[in-house]
C-alpha cells in the first residue's frame, strides 16, 4: 500500500472516530458520573461470559485502571501495547488491576478483538461493553480512554486519547497515592 493511500486511510479513520465519539462532548461533561458518590453498577462481560460489575470490583480496595478501546483504533492499539509492557511493574509495585474494555463490539467484534489481542501479544483478560452501559454511564466519548479508580472508588485520573507520556503521569499519580498511604 502506498504512503499516500495509507495517509488517506488514516485520515478517514480519524474522521470517522471524531464523528462517532466526538459529538456533544460539552453537554456530556456536565452530567454526573458517580451515583451517590459511588460508581455505577455497570456490567461488563468477558469472552467466557463471566460478568464483572464495576462498582463491586472497585469495592475490593484495589486500585483499578480501565482502558476503554475499540478494535479499529490505532491509538488504542498503541496504548494497549504500552500497557502490556508496563503491566508487570504496575501490578507488582502498585497492586494495580488493569481492565481493558472493548466498546462497540458485536459477536463478530469479539473475534476481531481477540485476534487483534493475539497479534499484539496483549496479556489481559478483555471485557466487553456490549450494551454500551459503561460507555454511557461514564461518558466515554473518545478512545482510548483511561480511567483510574483509587482504592476508595473515586476517579483519581482520567485521560481521553493517547500520548505515551500519559502513563508517566499515571505512574506519578500512583507513586503519590502509595506515598500517602505509607505515610510519606
N, C-alpha and C. Protein backbone atom coordinates (compact mmCIF):
# COMPACT_ATOMS: atom_id res chain seq x y z
N UNK A 1 0.86 -1.17 0.00
CA UNK A 1 0.00 0.00 0.00
C UNK A 1 0.91 1.23 0.00
N UNK A 2 0.62 2.18 -0.84
CA UNK A 2 1.45 3.38 -0.95
C UNK A 2 1.27 4.26 0.29
N UNK A 3 2.27 5.11 0.54
CA UNK A 3 2.21 6.00 1.70
C UNK A 3 1.05 6.98 1.58
N UNK A 4 0.78 7.45 0.38
CA UNK A 4 -0.33 8.39 0.17
C UNK A 4 -1.65 7.73 0.51
N UNK A 5 -1.82 6.48 0.09
CA UNK A 5 -3.05 5.75 0.38
C UNK A 5 -3.16 5.47 1.88
N UNK A 6 -2.04 5.17 2.53
CA UNK A 6 -2.04 4.95 3.98
C UNK A 6 -2.47 6.22 4.71
N UNK A 7 -1.97 7.37 4.26
CA UNK A 7 -2.34 8.64 4.89
C UNK A 7 -3.82 8.93 4.72
N UNK A 8 -4.34 8.68 3.53
CA UNK A 8 -5.76 8.91 3.28
C UNK A 8 -6.60 8.00 4.15
N UNK A 9 -6.21 6.72 4.23
CA UNK A 9 -6.93 5.77 5.07
C UNK A 9 -6.89 6.21 6.54
N UNK A 10 -5.74 6.65 7.00
CA UNK A 10 -5.60 7.13 8.36
C UNK A 10 -6.53 8.33 8.62
N UNK A 11 -6.57 9.29 7.69
CA UNK A 11 -7.44 10.45 7.84
C UNK A 11 -8.92 10.06 7.87
N UNK A 12 -9.28 9.09 7.05
CA UNK A 12 -10.68 8.62 7.05
C UNK A 12 -11.02 8.00 8.40
N UNK A 13 -10.11 7.20 8.95
CA UNK A 13 -10.34 6.56 10.25
C UNK A 13 -10.45 7.62 11.34
N UNK A 14 -9.56 8.62 11.30
CA UNK A 14 -9.62 9.70 12.29
C UNK A 14 -10.94 10.46 12.19
N UNK A 15 -11.35 10.77 10.99
CA UNK A 15 -12.62 11.49 10.79
C UNK A 15 -13.80 10.67 11.29
N UNK A 16 -13.77 9.38 11.01
CA UNK A 16 -14.86 8.51 11.47
C UNK A 16 -14.90 8.46 12.99
N UNK A 17 -13.72 8.39 13.63
CA UNK A 17 -13.71 8.34 15.09
C UNK A 17 -14.24 9.63 15.69
N UNK A 18 -13.92 10.77 15.07
CA UNK A 18 -14.46 12.03 15.56
C UNK A 18 -15.97 12.08 15.42
N UNK A 19 -16.46 11.58 14.30
CA UNK A 19 -17.92 11.56 14.09
C UNK A 19 -18.61 10.67 15.10
N UNK A 20 -18.02 9.51 15.37
CA UNK A 20 -18.65 8.55 16.27
C UNK A 20 -18.56 8.94 17.73
N UNK A 21 -17.42 9.50 18.13
CA UNK A 21 -17.20 9.73 19.55
C UNK A 21 -17.12 11.19 19.96
N UNK A 22 -16.93 12.08 19.05
CA UNK A 22 -16.68 13.46 19.42
C UNK A 22 -17.91 14.34 19.53
N UNK A 23 -19.08 13.80 19.29
CA UNK A 23 -20.28 14.64 19.31
C UNK A 23 -20.73 14.94 20.74
N UNK A 24 -21.23 16.13 20.93
CA UNK A 24 -21.90 16.52 22.17
C UNK A 24 -21.04 16.38 23.42
N UNK A 25 -19.72 16.62 23.32
CA UNK A 25 -18.84 16.47 24.47
C UNK A 25 -19.15 17.50 25.55
N UNK A 26 -19.44 18.72 25.17
CA UNK A 26 -19.68 19.76 26.17
C UNK A 26 -20.90 19.42 27.02
N UNK A 27 -21.95 18.95 26.41
CA UNK A 27 -23.15 18.59 27.16
C UNK A 27 -22.87 17.39 28.07
N UNK A 28 -22.09 16.44 27.59
CA UNK A 28 -21.81 15.25 28.39
C UNK A 28 -20.96 15.57 29.61
N UNK A 29 -20.05 16.54 29.50
CA UNK A 29 -19.17 16.86 30.61
C UNK A 29 -19.91 17.43 31.81
N UNK A 30 -21.13 17.92 31.63
CA UNK A 30 -21.89 18.48 32.74
C UNK A 30 -22.71 17.44 33.48
N UNK A 31 -22.73 16.22 33.01
CA UNK A 31 -23.53 15.19 33.64
C UNK A 31 -22.73 14.49 34.73
N UNK A 32 -23.35 14.12 35.85
CA UNK A 32 -22.61 13.43 36.90
C UNK A 32 -22.19 12.03 36.44
N UNK A 33 -21.02 11.59 36.92
CA UNK A 33 -20.54 10.28 36.53
C UNK A 33 -20.55 9.31 37.69
N UNK A 34 -20.87 9.81 38.85
CA UNK A 34 -20.98 8.96 40.02
C UNK A 34 -22.42 9.04 40.51
N UNK A 35 -22.90 7.95 41.05
CA UNK A 35 -24.26 7.90 41.57
C UNK A 35 -24.15 7.84 43.09
N UNK A 36 -24.60 8.88 43.77
CA UNK A 36 -24.48 8.96 45.23
C UNK A 36 -23.04 8.72 45.69
N UNK A 37 -22.09 9.34 44.99
CA UNK A 37 -20.66 9.20 45.28
C UNK A 37 -20.13 7.78 45.12
N UNK A 38 -20.85 6.96 44.41
CA UNK A 38 -20.39 5.59 44.15
C UNK A 38 -20.41 5.35 42.65
N UNK A 39 -19.58 4.43 42.22
CA UNK A 39 -19.55 4.08 40.81
C UNK A 39 -20.83 3.36 40.42
N UNK A 40 -21.19 3.48 39.17
CA UNK A 40 -22.39 2.81 38.68
C UNK A 40 -22.22 1.29 38.70
N UNK A 41 -23.32 0.58 38.79
CA UNK A 41 -23.31 -0.88 38.76
C UNK A 41 -23.28 -1.36 37.31
N UNK A 42 -22.27 -0.94 36.61
CA UNK A 42 -22.14 -1.26 35.20
C UNK A 42 -21.62 -2.68 35.05
N UNK A 43 -22.26 -3.45 34.17
CA UNK A 43 -21.89 -4.85 33.97
C UNK A 43 -21.10 -4.99 32.67
N UNK A 44 -19.94 -5.62 32.79
CA UNK A 44 -19.12 -5.97 31.64
C UNK A 44 -19.06 -7.49 31.56
N UNK A 45 -18.75 -8.01 30.38
CA UNK A 45 -18.70 -9.46 30.18
C UNK A 45 -17.41 -9.80 29.45
N UNK A 46 -16.76 -10.90 29.87
CA UNK A 46 -15.56 -11.33 29.16
C UNK A 46 -15.91 -12.41 28.15
N UNK A 47 -14.92 -12.96 27.49
CA UNK A 47 -15.18 -13.95 26.42
C UNK A 47 -15.79 -15.24 26.94
N UNK A 48 -15.62 -15.53 28.22
CA UNK A 48 -16.20 -16.73 28.83
C UNK A 48 -17.57 -16.45 29.44
N UNK A 49 -18.13 -15.28 29.12
CA UNK A 49 -19.43 -14.84 29.63
C UNK A 49 -19.43 -14.63 31.14
N UNK A 50 -18.23 -14.40 31.71
CA UNK A 50 -18.12 -14.06 33.12
C UNK A 50 -18.42 -12.58 33.27
N UNK A 51 -19.29 -12.27 34.21
CA UNK A 51 -19.68 -10.88 34.42
C UNK A 51 -18.74 -10.20 35.41
N UNK A 52 -18.51 -8.93 35.15
CA UNK A 52 -17.72 -8.09 36.03
C UNK A 52 -18.56 -6.84 36.28
N UNK A 53 -18.87 -6.58 37.54
CA UNK A 53 -19.65 -5.40 37.90
C UNK A 53 -18.67 -4.38 38.45
N UNK A 54 -18.57 -3.24 37.78
CA UNK A 54 -17.52 -2.27 38.06
C UNK A 54 -17.49 -1.86 39.52
N UNK A 55 -18.61 -1.48 40.11
CA UNK A 55 -18.57 -0.98 41.48
C UNK A 55 -18.21 -2.08 42.48
N UNK A 56 -18.51 -3.34 42.19
CA UNK A 56 -18.11 -4.43 43.08
C UNK A 56 -16.61 -4.69 42.99
N UNK A 57 -16.06 -4.57 41.80
CA UNK A 57 -14.63 -4.77 41.62
C UNK A 57 -13.85 -3.72 42.41
N UNK A 58 -14.27 -2.49 42.30
CA UNK A 58 -13.57 -1.40 42.97
C UNK A 58 -13.74 -1.47 44.48
N UNK A 59 -14.85 -2.02 44.95
CA UNK A 59 -15.09 -2.10 46.39
C UNK A 59 -14.13 -3.07 47.10
N UNK A 60 -13.34 -3.81 46.34
CA UNK A 60 -12.40 -4.75 46.94
C UNK A 60 -11.13 -4.07 47.45
N UNK A 61 -11.06 -2.74 47.36
CA UNK A 61 -9.94 -2.00 47.92
C UNK A 61 -8.66 -2.05 47.11
N UNK A 62 -8.78 -2.33 45.84
CA UNK A 62 -7.61 -2.41 44.97
C UNK A 62 -7.76 -1.35 43.88
N UNK A 63 -6.70 -0.58 43.59
CA UNK A 63 -6.83 0.40 42.52
C UNK A 63 -7.01 -0.27 41.16
N UNK A 64 -7.77 0.37 40.31
CA UNK A 64 -8.10 -0.22 39.01
C UNK A 64 -7.88 0.82 37.91
N UNK A 65 -7.28 0.39 36.83
CA UNK A 65 -7.15 1.22 35.64
C UNK A 65 -8.00 0.60 34.55
N UNK A 66 -9.02 1.32 34.11
CA UNK A 66 -9.82 0.90 32.98
C UNK A 66 -9.26 1.57 31.73
N UNK A 67 -9.14 0.82 30.67
CA UNK A 67 -8.81 1.40 29.37
C UNK A 67 -9.92 1.00 28.42
N UNK A 68 -10.67 1.97 27.96
CA UNK A 68 -11.76 1.75 27.02
C UNK A 68 -11.18 1.93 25.62
N UNK A 69 -11.45 0.97 24.74
CA UNK A 69 -10.85 0.99 23.41
C UNK A 69 -11.78 0.35 22.39
N UNK A 70 -11.42 0.50 21.12
CA UNK A 70 -12.11 -0.20 20.04
C UNK A 70 -11.06 -0.95 19.23
N UNK A 71 -11.50 -1.97 18.50
CA UNK A 71 -10.56 -2.79 17.75
C UNK A 71 -9.99 -2.08 16.53
N UNK A 72 -10.66 -1.04 16.03
CA UNK A 72 -10.21 -0.36 14.82
C UNK A 72 -9.36 0.87 15.08
N UNK A 73 -9.09 1.18 16.33
CA UNK A 73 -8.43 2.42 16.73
C UNK A 73 -6.93 2.21 16.90
N UNK A 74 -6.12 2.80 16.01
CA UNK A 74 -4.66 2.65 16.09
C UNK A 74 -4.08 3.22 17.39
N UNK A 75 -4.51 4.41 17.86
CA UNK A 75 -4.01 4.88 19.15
C UNK A 75 -4.38 3.95 20.31
N UNK A 76 -5.52 3.28 20.20
CA UNK A 76 -5.90 2.29 21.22
C UNK A 76 -4.91 1.14 21.23
N UNK A 77 -4.52 0.68 20.05
CA UNK A 77 -3.54 -0.40 19.95
C UNK A 77 -2.22 0.02 20.58
N UNK A 78 -1.80 1.26 20.33
CA UNK A 78 -0.55 1.76 20.92
C UNK A 78 -0.65 1.82 22.44
N UNK A 79 -1.79 2.27 22.96
CA UNK A 79 -1.98 2.34 24.41
C UNK A 79 -1.97 0.94 25.01
N UNK A 80 -2.65 0.00 24.36
CA UNK A 80 -2.67 -1.38 24.87
C UNK A 80 -1.28 -2.01 24.81
N UNK A 81 -0.53 -1.74 23.74
CA UNK A 81 0.84 -2.25 23.64
C UNK A 81 1.69 -1.71 24.79
N UNK A 82 1.56 -0.42 25.08
CA UNK A 82 2.31 0.20 26.16
C UNK A 82 1.92 -0.41 27.51
N UNK A 83 0.63 -0.59 27.73
CA UNK A 83 0.16 -1.19 28.99
C UNK A 83 0.64 -2.63 29.13
N UNK A 84 0.70 -3.36 28.03
CA UNK A 84 1.21 -4.74 28.08
C UNK A 84 2.65 -4.74 28.57
N UNK A 85 3.43 -3.80 28.10
CA UNK A 85 4.82 -3.67 28.52
C UNK A 85 4.93 -3.28 30.00
N UNK A 86 4.07 -2.35 30.44
CA UNK A 86 4.12 -1.83 31.81
C UNK A 86 3.39 -2.70 32.84
N UNK A 87 2.55 -3.59 32.36
CA UNK A 87 1.67 -4.36 33.25
C UNK A 87 2.39 -5.05 34.41
N UNK A 88 3.45 -5.81 34.19
CA UNK A 88 4.08 -6.49 35.33
C UNK A 88 4.54 -5.52 36.43
N UNK A 89 5.11 -4.40 36.04
CA UNK A 89 5.60 -3.43 37.03
C UNK A 89 4.44 -2.74 37.73
N UNK A 90 3.42 -2.33 36.98
CA UNK A 90 2.28 -1.65 37.59
C UNK A 90 1.55 -2.55 38.58
N UNK A 91 1.44 -3.84 38.23
CA UNK A 91 0.77 -4.78 39.13
C UNK A 91 1.61 -5.04 40.38
N UNK A 92 2.91 -5.23 40.21
CA UNK A 92 3.74 -5.57 41.37
C UNK A 92 4.03 -4.37 42.28
N UNK A 93 4.34 -3.22 41.71
CA UNK A 93 4.69 -2.06 42.53
C UNK A 93 3.49 -1.35 43.14
N UNK A 94 2.36 -1.35 42.43
CA UNK A 94 1.21 -0.56 42.88
C UNK A 94 -0.05 -1.39 43.11
N UNK A 95 0.07 -2.71 42.94
CA UNK A 95 -1.09 -3.59 43.13
C UNK A 95 -2.26 -3.16 42.24
N UNK A 96 -1.92 -2.65 41.07
CA UNK A 96 -2.92 -2.09 40.15
C UNK A 96 -3.52 -3.21 39.29
N UNK A 97 -4.83 -3.20 39.20
CA UNK A 97 -5.53 -4.12 38.31
C UNK A 97 -5.88 -3.35 37.04
N UNK A 98 -5.54 -3.93 35.89
CA UNK A 98 -5.80 -3.29 34.61
C UNK A 98 -6.95 -4.02 33.92
N UNK A 99 -7.97 -3.27 33.56
CA UNK A 99 -9.17 -3.84 32.93
C UNK A 99 -9.39 -3.17 31.57
N UNK A 100 -9.04 -3.84 30.48
CA UNK A 100 -9.37 -3.31 29.16
C UNK A 100 -10.83 -3.59 28.83
N UNK A 101 -11.51 -2.59 28.29
CA UNK A 101 -12.93 -2.74 27.95
C UNK A 101 -13.11 -2.37 26.49
N UNK A 102 -13.52 -3.35 25.70
CA UNK A 102 -13.77 -3.14 24.27
C UNK A 102 -15.18 -2.57 24.10
N UNK A 103 -15.26 -1.49 23.36
CA UNK A 103 -16.55 -0.83 23.09
C UNK A 103 -17.05 -1.19 21.70
N UNK A 104 -18.34 -1.03 21.50
CA UNK A 104 -18.97 -1.24 20.19
C UNK A 104 -18.62 -2.60 19.59
N UNK A 105 -18.81 -3.63 20.36
CA UNK A 105 -18.46 -4.97 19.88
C UNK A 105 -19.72 -5.78 19.61
N UNK A 106 -19.77 -6.33 18.43
CA UNK A 106 -20.83 -7.28 18.08
C UNK A 106 -20.25 -8.67 18.29
N UNK A 107 -21.01 -9.69 17.94
CA UNK A 107 -20.48 -11.05 18.06
C UNK A 107 -19.22 -11.20 17.20
N UNK A 108 -19.24 -10.65 16.01
CA UNK A 108 -18.07 -10.67 15.15
C UNK A 108 -16.95 -9.84 15.75
N UNK A 109 -17.32 -8.77 16.45
CA UNK A 109 -16.34 -7.89 17.07
C UNK A 109 -15.51 -8.60 18.12
N UNK A 110 -16.12 -9.54 18.86
CA UNK A 110 -15.36 -10.31 19.84
C UNK A 110 -14.19 -11.02 19.16
N UNK A 111 -14.48 -11.65 18.04
CA UNK A 111 -13.44 -12.38 17.31
C UNK A 111 -12.34 -11.44 16.83
N UNK A 112 -12.73 -10.28 16.35
CA UNK A 112 -11.76 -9.30 15.86
C UNK A 112 -10.88 -8.82 17.02
N UNK A 113 -11.50 -8.52 18.15
CA UNK A 113 -10.75 -8.05 19.32
C UNK A 113 -9.74 -9.11 19.75
N UNK A 114 -10.18 -10.37 19.82
CA UNK A 114 -9.27 -11.42 20.27
C UNK A 114 -8.17 -11.70 19.26
N UNK A 115 -8.46 -11.60 17.98
CA UNK A 115 -7.39 -11.79 17.00
C UNK A 115 -6.40 -10.63 17.06
N UNK A 116 -6.89 -9.42 17.31
CA UNK A 116 -6.00 -8.26 17.48
C UNK A 116 -5.15 -8.44 18.73
N UNK A 117 -5.76 -8.89 19.82
CA UNK A 117 -5.02 -9.11 21.07
C UNK A 117 -3.93 -10.16 20.89
N UNK A 118 -4.25 -11.20 20.16
CA UNK A 118 -3.27 -12.26 19.91
C UNK A 118 -2.12 -11.74 19.06
N UNK A 119 -2.45 -10.99 18.03
CA UNK A 119 -1.45 -10.42 17.14
C UNK A 119 -0.49 -9.49 17.89
N UNK A 120 -1.03 -8.71 18.82
CA UNK A 120 -0.22 -7.75 19.59
C UNK A 120 0.38 -8.34 20.86
N UNK A 121 0.04 -9.58 21.18
CA UNK A 121 0.54 -10.25 22.40
C UNK A 121 0.06 -9.55 23.68
N UNK A 122 -1.19 -9.08 23.65
CA UNK A 122 -1.75 -8.46 24.85
C UNK A 122 -2.04 -9.56 25.86
N UNK A 123 -1.70 -9.31 27.11
CA UNK A 123 -1.80 -10.33 28.15
C UNK A 123 -2.93 -10.04 29.13
N UNK A 124 -3.99 -9.48 28.65
CA UNK A 124 -5.10 -9.08 29.51
C UNK A 124 -6.32 -9.95 29.27
N UNK A 125 -7.15 -10.06 30.30
CA UNK A 125 -8.49 -10.58 30.12
C UNK A 125 -9.32 -9.39 29.66
N UNK A 126 -9.82 -9.44 28.45
CA UNK A 126 -10.54 -8.29 27.89
C UNK A 126 -12.04 -8.43 28.18
N UNK A 127 -12.63 -7.33 28.60
CA UNK A 127 -14.06 -7.28 28.87
C UNK A 127 -14.75 -6.49 27.77
N UNK A 128 -16.04 -6.75 27.62
CA UNK A 128 -16.83 -6.14 26.56
C UNK A 128 -18.00 -5.37 27.15
N UNK A 129 -18.23 -4.21 26.59
CA UNK A 129 -19.35 -3.36 26.98
C UNK A 129 -20.40 -3.45 25.88
N UNK A 130 -20.95 -4.64 25.71
CA UNK A 130 -21.84 -4.94 24.60
C UNK A 130 -23.09 -4.09 24.53
N UNK A 131 -23.59 -3.66 25.68
CA UNK A 131 -24.82 -2.85 25.69
C UNK A 131 -24.53 -1.37 25.89
N UNK A 132 -23.26 -0.98 25.82
CA UNK A 132 -22.83 0.41 25.98
C UNK A 132 -23.15 0.98 27.36
N UNK A 133 -23.31 0.13 28.37
CA UNK A 133 -23.61 0.62 29.72
C UNK A 133 -22.47 1.47 30.27
N UNK A 134 -21.23 0.97 30.19
CA UNK A 134 -20.09 1.72 30.70
C UNK A 134 -19.86 2.97 29.87
N UNK A 135 -19.96 2.82 28.57
CA UNK A 135 -19.76 3.96 27.67
C UNK A 135 -20.71 5.09 28.02
N UNK A 136 -21.96 4.77 28.26
CA UNK A 136 -22.96 5.79 28.57
C UNK A 136 -22.85 6.29 30.01
N UNK A 137 -22.65 5.40 30.96
CA UNK A 137 -22.56 5.79 32.38
C UNK A 137 -21.38 6.69 32.65
N UNK A 138 -20.24 6.37 32.03
CA UNK A 138 -19.02 7.14 32.30
C UNK A 138 -18.68 8.12 31.20
N UNK A 139 -19.63 8.34 30.29
CA UNK A 139 -19.49 9.32 29.22
C UNK A 139 -18.20 9.13 28.43
N UNK A 140 -17.98 7.92 27.97
CA UNK A 140 -16.80 7.63 27.16
C UNK A 140 -17.11 8.11 25.75
N UNK A 141 -16.51 9.23 25.39
CA UNK A 141 -16.81 9.84 24.09
C UNK A 141 -15.66 9.72 23.11
N UNK A 142 -14.48 9.42 23.59
CA UNK A 142 -13.31 9.27 22.71
C UNK A 142 -12.53 8.05 23.18
N UNK A 143 -11.84 7.43 22.26
CA UNK A 143 -10.99 6.30 22.60
C UNK A 143 -9.59 6.54 22.07
N UNK A 144 -8.59 5.99 22.72
CA UNK A 144 -8.67 5.28 24.00
C UNK A 144 -9.02 6.25 25.13
N UNK A 145 -9.58 5.69 26.18
CA UNK A 145 -9.99 6.47 27.33
C UNK A 145 -9.49 5.74 28.57
N UNK A 146 -8.60 6.39 29.32
CA UNK A 146 -8.08 5.83 30.56
C UNK A 146 -8.87 6.38 31.73
N UNK A 147 -9.23 5.51 32.67
CA UNK A 147 -9.93 5.94 33.88
C UNK A 147 -9.34 5.17 35.05
N UNK A 148 -8.64 5.89 35.93
CA UNK A 148 -8.02 5.28 37.09
C UNK A 148 -8.90 5.50 38.30
N UNK A 149 -9.26 4.41 38.97
CA UNK A 149 -10.10 4.44 40.16
C UNK A 149 -9.21 4.06 41.35
N UNK A 150 -9.16 4.92 42.37
CA UNK A 150 -8.32 4.62 43.53
C UNK A 150 -9.01 3.60 44.44
N UNK A 151 -8.34 3.24 45.54
CA UNK A 151 -8.86 2.22 46.46
C UNK A 151 -10.20 2.60 47.08
N UNK A 152 -10.46 3.89 47.19
CA UNK A 152 -11.72 4.35 47.78
C UNK A 152 -12.86 4.39 46.76
N UNK A 153 -12.56 4.03 45.52
CA UNK A 153 -13.60 4.02 44.49
C UNK A 153 -13.84 5.36 43.83
N UNK A 154 -12.87 6.26 43.94
CA UNK A 154 -13.00 7.58 43.32
C UNK A 154 -12.18 7.64 42.04
N UNK A 155 -12.69 8.37 41.07
CA UNK A 155 -11.95 8.56 39.83
C UNK A 155 -10.82 9.54 40.14
N UNK A 156 -9.57 9.03 40.14
CA UNK A 156 -8.42 9.84 40.52
C UNK A 156 -7.68 10.41 39.31
N UNK A 157 -7.86 9.79 38.16
CA UNK A 157 -7.17 10.25 36.95
C UNK A 157 -7.97 9.77 35.76
N UNK A 158 -8.05 10.62 34.76
CA UNK A 158 -8.79 10.26 33.55
C UNK A 158 -8.16 10.97 32.37
N UNK A 159 -8.08 10.28 31.25
CA UNK A 159 -7.46 10.86 30.07
C UNK A 159 -8.14 10.31 28.82
N UNK A 160 -8.48 11.21 27.93
CA UNK A 160 -9.02 10.83 26.62
C UNK A 160 -7.88 10.90 25.61
N UNK A 161 -7.87 10.00 24.66
CA UNK A 161 -6.82 9.98 23.65
C UNK A 161 -5.59 9.27 24.18
N UNK A 162 -4.50 9.30 23.41
CA UNK A 162 -3.29 8.61 23.83
C UNK A 162 -2.04 9.39 23.51
N UNK A 163 -1.21 9.46 24.50
CA UNK A 163 0.14 10.01 24.39
C UNK A 163 0.98 9.12 25.31
N UNK A 164 2.13 8.63 24.86
CA UNK A 164 2.94 7.77 25.73
C UNK A 164 3.26 8.40 27.09
N UNK A 165 3.28 9.72 27.16
CA UNK A 165 3.53 10.40 28.43
C UNK A 165 2.39 10.24 29.42
N UNK A 166 1.20 9.83 28.95
CA UNK A 166 0.07 9.61 29.85
C UNK A 166 0.42 8.61 30.93
N UNK A 167 1.16 7.58 30.57
CA UNK A 167 1.49 6.53 31.53
C UNK A 167 2.55 6.99 32.52
N UNK A 168 3.43 7.91 32.08
CA UNK A 168 4.38 8.50 33.03
C UNK A 168 3.62 9.33 34.07
N UNK A 169 2.63 10.09 33.61
CA UNK A 169 1.83 10.88 34.54
C UNK A 169 1.03 9.96 35.47
N UNK A 170 0.44 8.92 34.91
CA UNK A 170 -0.31 7.96 35.73
C UNK A 170 0.60 7.37 36.80
N UNK A 171 1.83 7.05 36.44
CA UNK A 171 2.75 6.48 37.43
C UNK A 171 3.06 7.50 38.53
N UNK A 172 3.16 8.78 38.19
CA UNK A 172 3.35 9.80 39.21
C UNK A 172 2.16 9.84 40.18
N UNK A 173 0.95 9.71 39.63
CA UNK A 173 -0.25 9.66 40.47
C UNK A 173 -0.19 8.45 41.38
N UNK A 174 0.17 7.30 40.84
CA UNK A 174 0.26 6.07 41.63
C UNK A 174 1.31 6.20 42.73
N UNK A 175 2.46 6.78 42.41
CA UNK A 175 3.52 6.98 43.42
C UNK A 175 3.03 7.89 44.53
N UNK A 176 2.34 8.97 44.16
CA UNK A 176 1.83 9.91 45.17
C UNK A 176 0.83 9.22 46.09
N UNK A 177 -0.04 8.41 45.53
CA UNK A 177 -1.03 7.68 46.34
C UNK A 177 -0.32 6.69 47.25
N UNK A 178 0.64 5.97 46.72
CA UNK A 178 1.38 4.98 47.51
C UNK A 178 2.14 5.67 48.65
N UNK A 179 2.79 6.80 48.36
CA UNK A 179 3.50 7.54 49.40
C UNK A 179 2.54 8.04 50.49
N UNK A 180 1.38 8.50 50.08
CA UNK A 180 0.38 8.98 51.04
C UNK A 180 -0.08 7.84 51.95
N UNK A 181 -0.31 6.67 51.35
CA UNK A 181 -0.76 5.51 52.13
C UNK A 181 0.32 5.03 53.10
N UNK A 182 1.59 5.19 52.70
CA UNK A 182 2.69 4.74 53.54
C UNK A 182 3.11 5.81 54.55
N UNK A 183 2.38 6.92 54.55
CA UNK A 183 2.66 7.99 55.50
C UNK A 183 3.78 8.93 55.09
N UNK A 184 4.15 8.89 53.81
CA UNK A 184 5.26 9.71 53.34
C UNK A 184 4.86 10.92 52.67
